[in-house]
Amino acid sequence: MLSHGGYDYLEEKLMEDKKKKQLEKASQSGSTNIIVDPPSPIRLHVKWKMARMKKYGQLTSKVAKEIANRIISEFFMSVVI
């Protein structure tokens, strides 16, 4: 769930996680010349869903889960078309 930092803090945290994963993946490739591009921005639906998740990954309510499922299914439908 969002704490005092709000969406800005959440986005900052998610971007740090993305950067860390990219660096780990690049370092596992074994290359000595590692250039890592900046990660892509966090999508709005991902931030919305993460803002409504509890510490252990459960959504805060049944309604939030239904909305998240609807948002995700509409997002994937728009990508496929």
N, C-alpha and C. Protein backbone atom coordinates (compact mmCIF):
# COMPACT_ATOMS: atom_id res chain seq x y z
N MET A 1 0.84 -1.18 0.00
CA MET A 1 0.00 0.00 0.00
C MET A 1 0.87 1.24 0.00
N LEU A 2 0.32 2.29 -0.51
CA LEU A 2 1.05 3.55 -0.51
C LEU A 2 1.26 4.03 0.91
N SER A 3 2.43 4.56 1.13
CA SER A 3 2.70 5.16 2.44
C SER A 3 2.81 6.66 2.24
N HIS A 4 3.54 7.30 3.08
CA HIS A 4 3.64 8.76 3.06
C HIS A 4 4.29 9.30 1.79
N GLY A 5 5.05 8.50 1.08
CA GLY A 5 5.72 8.97 -0.12
C GLY A 5 4.82 9.10 -1.33
N GLY A 6 3.69 8.41 -1.34
CA GLY A 6 2.75 8.48 -2.44
C GLY A 6 3.28 7.82 -3.71
N TYR A 7 2.66 8.21 -4.82
CA TYR A 7 3.02 7.63 -6.12
C TYR A 7 4.45 7.96 -6.52
N ASP A 8 4.94 9.14 -6.15
CA ASP A 8 6.31 9.50 -6.51
C ASP A 8 7.32 8.53 -5.90
N TYR A 9 7.13 8.24 -4.62
CA TYR A 9 8.03 7.31 -3.94
C TYR A 9 7.90 5.91 -4.54
N LEU A 10 6.68 5.49 -4.81
CA LEU A 10 6.44 4.18 -5.40
C LEU A 10 7.14 4.06 -6.75
N GLU A 11 7.00 5.09 -7.59
CA GLU A 11 7.63 5.06 -8.91
C GLU A 11 9.15 5.02 -8.78
N GLU A 12 9.69 5.79 -7.85
CA GLU A 12 11.14 5.80 -7.63
C GLU A 12 11.63 4.41 -7.22
N LYS A 13 10.90 3.77 -6.33
CA LYS A 13 11.26 2.44 -5.85
C LYS A 13 11.19 1.41 -6.98
N LEU A 14 10.14 1.47 -7.79
CA LEU A 14 9.99 0.53 -8.90
C LEU A 14 11.08 0.74 -9.95
N MET A 15 11.45 1.99 -10.20
CA MET A 15 12.53 2.28 -11.17
C MET A 15 13.87 1.74 -10.65
N GLU A 16 14.12 1.88 -9.36
CA GLU A 16 15.35 1.34 -8.77
C GLU A 16 15.40 -0.17 -8.94
N ASP A 17 14.26 -0.83 -8.72
CA ASP A 17 14.19 -2.29 -8.88
C ASP A 17 14.47 -2.69 -10.33
N LYS A 18 13.91 -1.93 -11.28
CA LYS A 18 14.14 -2.22 -12.70
C LYS A 18 15.62 -2.05 -13.05
N LYS A 19 16.24 -0.98 -12.56
CA LYS A 19 17.66 -0.74 -12.83
C LYS A 19 18.51 -1.86 -12.26
N LYS A 20 18.18 -2.27 -11.04
CA LYS A 20 18.94 -3.34 -10.39
C LYS A 20 18.85 -4.64 -11.19
N LYS A 21 17.65 -4.97 -11.67
CA LYS A 21 17.47 -6.19 -12.46
C LYS A 21 18.24 -6.12 -13.77
N GLN A 22 18.24 -4.94 -14.40
CA GLN A 22 18.99 -4.78 -15.65
C GLN A 22 20.48 -4.95 -15.41
N LEU A 23 20.99 -4.38 -14.32
CA LEU A 23 22.42 -4.51 -14.01
C LEU A 23 22.79 -5.96 -13.72
N GLU A 24 21.94 -6.67 -12.99
CA GLU A 24 22.20 -8.08 -12.69
C GLU A 24 22.22 -8.90 -13.98
N LYS A 25 21.28 -8.64 -14.86
CA LYS A 25 21.20 -9.37 -16.13
C LYS A 25 22.43 -9.08 -16.98
N ALA A 26 22.85 -7.82 -17.01
CA ALA A 26 24.02 -7.44 -17.80
C ALA A 26 25.30 -8.05 -17.23
N SER A 27 25.40 -8.10 -15.90
CA SER A 27 26.61 -8.66 -15.29
C SER A 27 26.69 -10.17 -15.48
N GLN A 28 25.54 -10.83 -15.60
CA GLN A 28 25.53 -12.28 -15.81
C GLN A 28 25.94 -12.65 -17.23
N SER A 29 25.91 -11.67 -18.15
CA SER A 29 26.29 -11.96 -19.53
C SER A 29 27.79 -12.18 -19.67
N GLY A 30 28.57 -11.69 -18.68
CA GLY A 30 30.00 -11.92 -18.69
C GLY A 30 30.79 -10.87 -19.46
N SER A 31 30.13 -9.89 -20.01
CA SER A 31 30.81 -8.85 -20.77
C SER A 31 31.50 -7.87 -19.82
N THR A 32 32.67 -7.40 -20.22
CA THR A 32 33.39 -6.44 -19.38
C THR A 32 32.96 -5.01 -19.68
N ASN A 33 32.44 -4.77 -20.87
CA ASN A 33 31.97 -3.44 -21.25
C ASN A 33 30.45 -3.40 -21.12
N ILE A 34 29.98 -3.09 -19.94
CA ILE A 34 28.54 -3.11 -19.68
C ILE A 34 27.99 -1.69 -19.81
N ILE A 35 27.07 -1.53 -20.75
CA ILE A 35 26.33 -0.27 -20.90
C ILE A 35 24.86 -0.63 -20.74
N VAL A 36 24.24 -0.05 -19.72
CA VAL A 36 22.84 -0.36 -19.44
C VAL A 36 21.99 0.86 -19.76
N ASP A 37 21.03 0.68 -20.64
CA ASP A 37 20.11 1.76 -20.98
C ASP A 37 19.20 2.04 -19.78
N PRO A 38 18.74 3.28 -19.65
CA PRO A 38 17.80 3.56 -18.57
C PRO A 38 16.51 2.76 -18.77
N PRO A 39 15.91 2.31 -17.68
CA PRO A 39 14.69 1.51 -17.81
C PRO A 39 13.53 2.35 -18.35
N SER A 40 12.60 1.68 -18.97
CA SER A 40 11.41 2.37 -19.48
C SER A 40 10.55 2.82 -18.30
N PRO A 41 9.75 3.86 -18.51
CA PRO A 41 8.90 4.36 -17.41
C PRO A 41 7.92 3.29 -16.95
N ILE A 42 7.54 3.40 -15.69
CA ILE A 42 6.57 2.47 -15.11
C ILE A 42 5.19 2.81 -15.67
N ARG A 43 4.48 1.82 -16.16
CA ARG A 43 3.14 2.05 -16.72
C ARG A 43 2.15 2.38 -15.61
N LEU A 44 1.16 3.18 -15.97
CA LEU A 44 0.19 3.67 -14.99
C LEU A 44 -0.57 2.53 -14.32
N HIS A 45 -0.97 1.51 -15.08
CA HIS A 45 -1.74 0.43 -14.48
C HIS A 45 -0.89 -0.37 -13.49
N VAL A 46 0.42 -0.44 -13.72
CA VAL A 46 1.30 -1.14 -12.79
C VAL A 46 1.40 -0.36 -11.48
N LYS A 47 1.55 0.97 -11.59
CA LYS A 47 1.61 1.80 -10.38
C LYS A 47 0.31 1.71 -9.60
N TRP A 48 -0.83 1.73 -10.32
CA TRP A 48 -2.13 1.66 -9.65
C TRP A 48 -2.24 0.36 -8.86
N LYS A 49 -1.87 -0.74 -9.51
CA LYS A 49 -1.97 -2.04 -8.85
C LYS A 49 -1.01 -2.14 -7.67
N MET A 50 0.23 -1.69 -7.84
CA MET A 50 1.21 -1.76 -6.75
C MET A 50 0.79 -0.90 -5.57
N ALA A 51 0.11 0.21 -5.84
CA ALA A 51 -0.34 1.09 -4.77
C ALA A 51 -1.41 0.42 -3.91
N ARG A 52 -2.06 -0.57 -4.45
CA ARG A 52 -3.13 -1.24 -3.72
C ARG A 52 -2.75 -2.63 -3.24
N MET A 53 -1.47 -2.91 -3.21
CA MET A 53 -1.01 -4.21 -2.74
C MET A 53 -0.47 -4.10 -1.32
N LYS A 54 -0.76 -5.13 -0.55
CA LYS A 54 -0.22 -5.21 0.80
C LYS A 54 1.22 -5.69 0.73
N LYS A 55 1.84 -5.73 1.87
CA LYS A 55 3.26 -6.08 1.96
C LYS A 55 3.58 -7.44 1.33
N TYR A 56 2.69 -8.40 1.46
CA TYR A 56 2.96 -9.76 0.98
C TYR A 56 2.31 -10.06 -0.36
N GLY A 57 1.92 -9.03 -1.12
CA GLY A 57 1.44 -9.22 -2.47
C GLY A 57 -0.05 -9.39 -2.65
N GLN A 58 -0.82 -9.26 -1.59
CA GLN A 58 -2.27 -9.38 -1.72
C GLN A 58 -2.87 -8.00 -1.96
N LEU A 59 -3.90 -7.94 -2.79
CA LEU A 59 -4.58 -6.68 -3.01
C LEU A 59 -5.40 -6.33 -1.77
N THR A 60 -5.64 -5.04 -1.59
CA THR A 60 -6.27 -4.57 -0.36
C THR A 60 -7.73 -4.96 -0.22
N SER A 61 -8.42 -5.17 -1.33
CA SER A 61 -9.83 -5.55 -1.23
C SER A 61 -10.24 -6.36 -2.46
N LYS A 62 -11.41 -6.94 -2.36
CA LYS A 62 -11.95 -7.72 -3.47
C LYS A 62 -12.25 -6.81 -4.66
N VAL A 63 -12.75 -5.61 -4.38
CA VAL A 63 -13.05 -4.65 -5.44
C VAL A 63 -11.77 -4.25 -6.17
N ALA A 64 -10.71 -4.00 -5.43
CA ALA A 64 -9.43 -3.63 -6.05
C ALA A 64 -8.93 -4.76 -6.94
N LYS A 65 -9.13 -6.00 -6.51
CA LYS A 65 -8.70 -7.15 -7.31
C LYS A 65 -9.50 -7.23 -8.61
N GLU A 66 -10.81 -7.00 -8.53
CA GLU A 66 -11.65 -7.04 -9.73
C GLU A 66 -11.25 -5.95 -10.72
N ILE A 67 -11.01 -4.74 -10.21
CA ILE A 67 -10.61 -3.63 -11.06
C ILE A 67 -9.25 -3.90 -11.68
N ALA A 68 -8.31 -4.41 -10.89
CA ALA A 68 -6.97 -4.72 -11.41
C ALA A 68 -7.06 -5.76 -12.52
N ASN A 69 -7.86 -6.78 -12.34
CA ASN A 69 -8.02 -7.81 -13.37
C ASN A 69 -8.61 -7.23 -14.65
N ARG A 70 -9.59 -6.32 -14.50
CA ARG A 70 -10.21 -5.69 -15.65
C ARG A 70 -9.20 -4.79 -16.39
N ILE A 71 -8.42 -4.02 -15.64
CA ILE A 71 -7.43 -3.14 -16.24
C ILE A 71 -6.39 -3.96 -17.00
N ILE A 72 -5.91 -5.01 -16.38
CA ILE A 72 -4.88 -5.84 -17.00
C ILE A 72 -5.42 -6.53 -18.25
N SER A 73 -6.64 -7.05 -18.19
CA SER A 73 -7.18 -7.72 -19.37
C SER A 73 -7.41 -6.73 -20.50
N GLU A 74 -7.87 -5.51 -20.20
CA GLU A 74 -8.05 -4.50 -21.25
C GLU A 74 -6.70 -4.07 -21.82
N PHE A 75 -5.68 -3.97 -20.99
CA PHE A 75 -4.36 -3.60 -21.46
C PHE A 75 -3.84 -4.65 -22.44
N PHE A 76 -3.96 -5.91 -22.08
CA PHE A 76 -3.45 -6.97 -22.97
C PHE A 76 -4.29 -7.09 -24.24
N MET A 77 -5.57 -6.78 -24.16
CA MET A 77 -6.41 -6.81 -25.36
C MET A 77 -5.96 -5.71 -26.32
N SER A 78 -5.60 -4.54 -25.79
CA SER A 78 -5.16 -3.44 -26.66
C SER A 78 -3.79 -3.72 -27.27
N VAL A 79 -2.95 -4.48 -26.57
CA VAL A 79 -1.62 -4.82 -27.08
C VAL A 79 -1.75 -5.85 -28.21
N VAL A 80 -2.65 -6.79 -28.07
CA VAL A 80 -2.82 -7.86 -29.04
C VAL A 80 -3.40 -7.33 -30.34
N ILE A 81 -4.31 -6.39 -30.25
CA ILE A 81 -5.00 -5.87 -31.44
C ILE A 81 -4.12 -5.04 -32.25
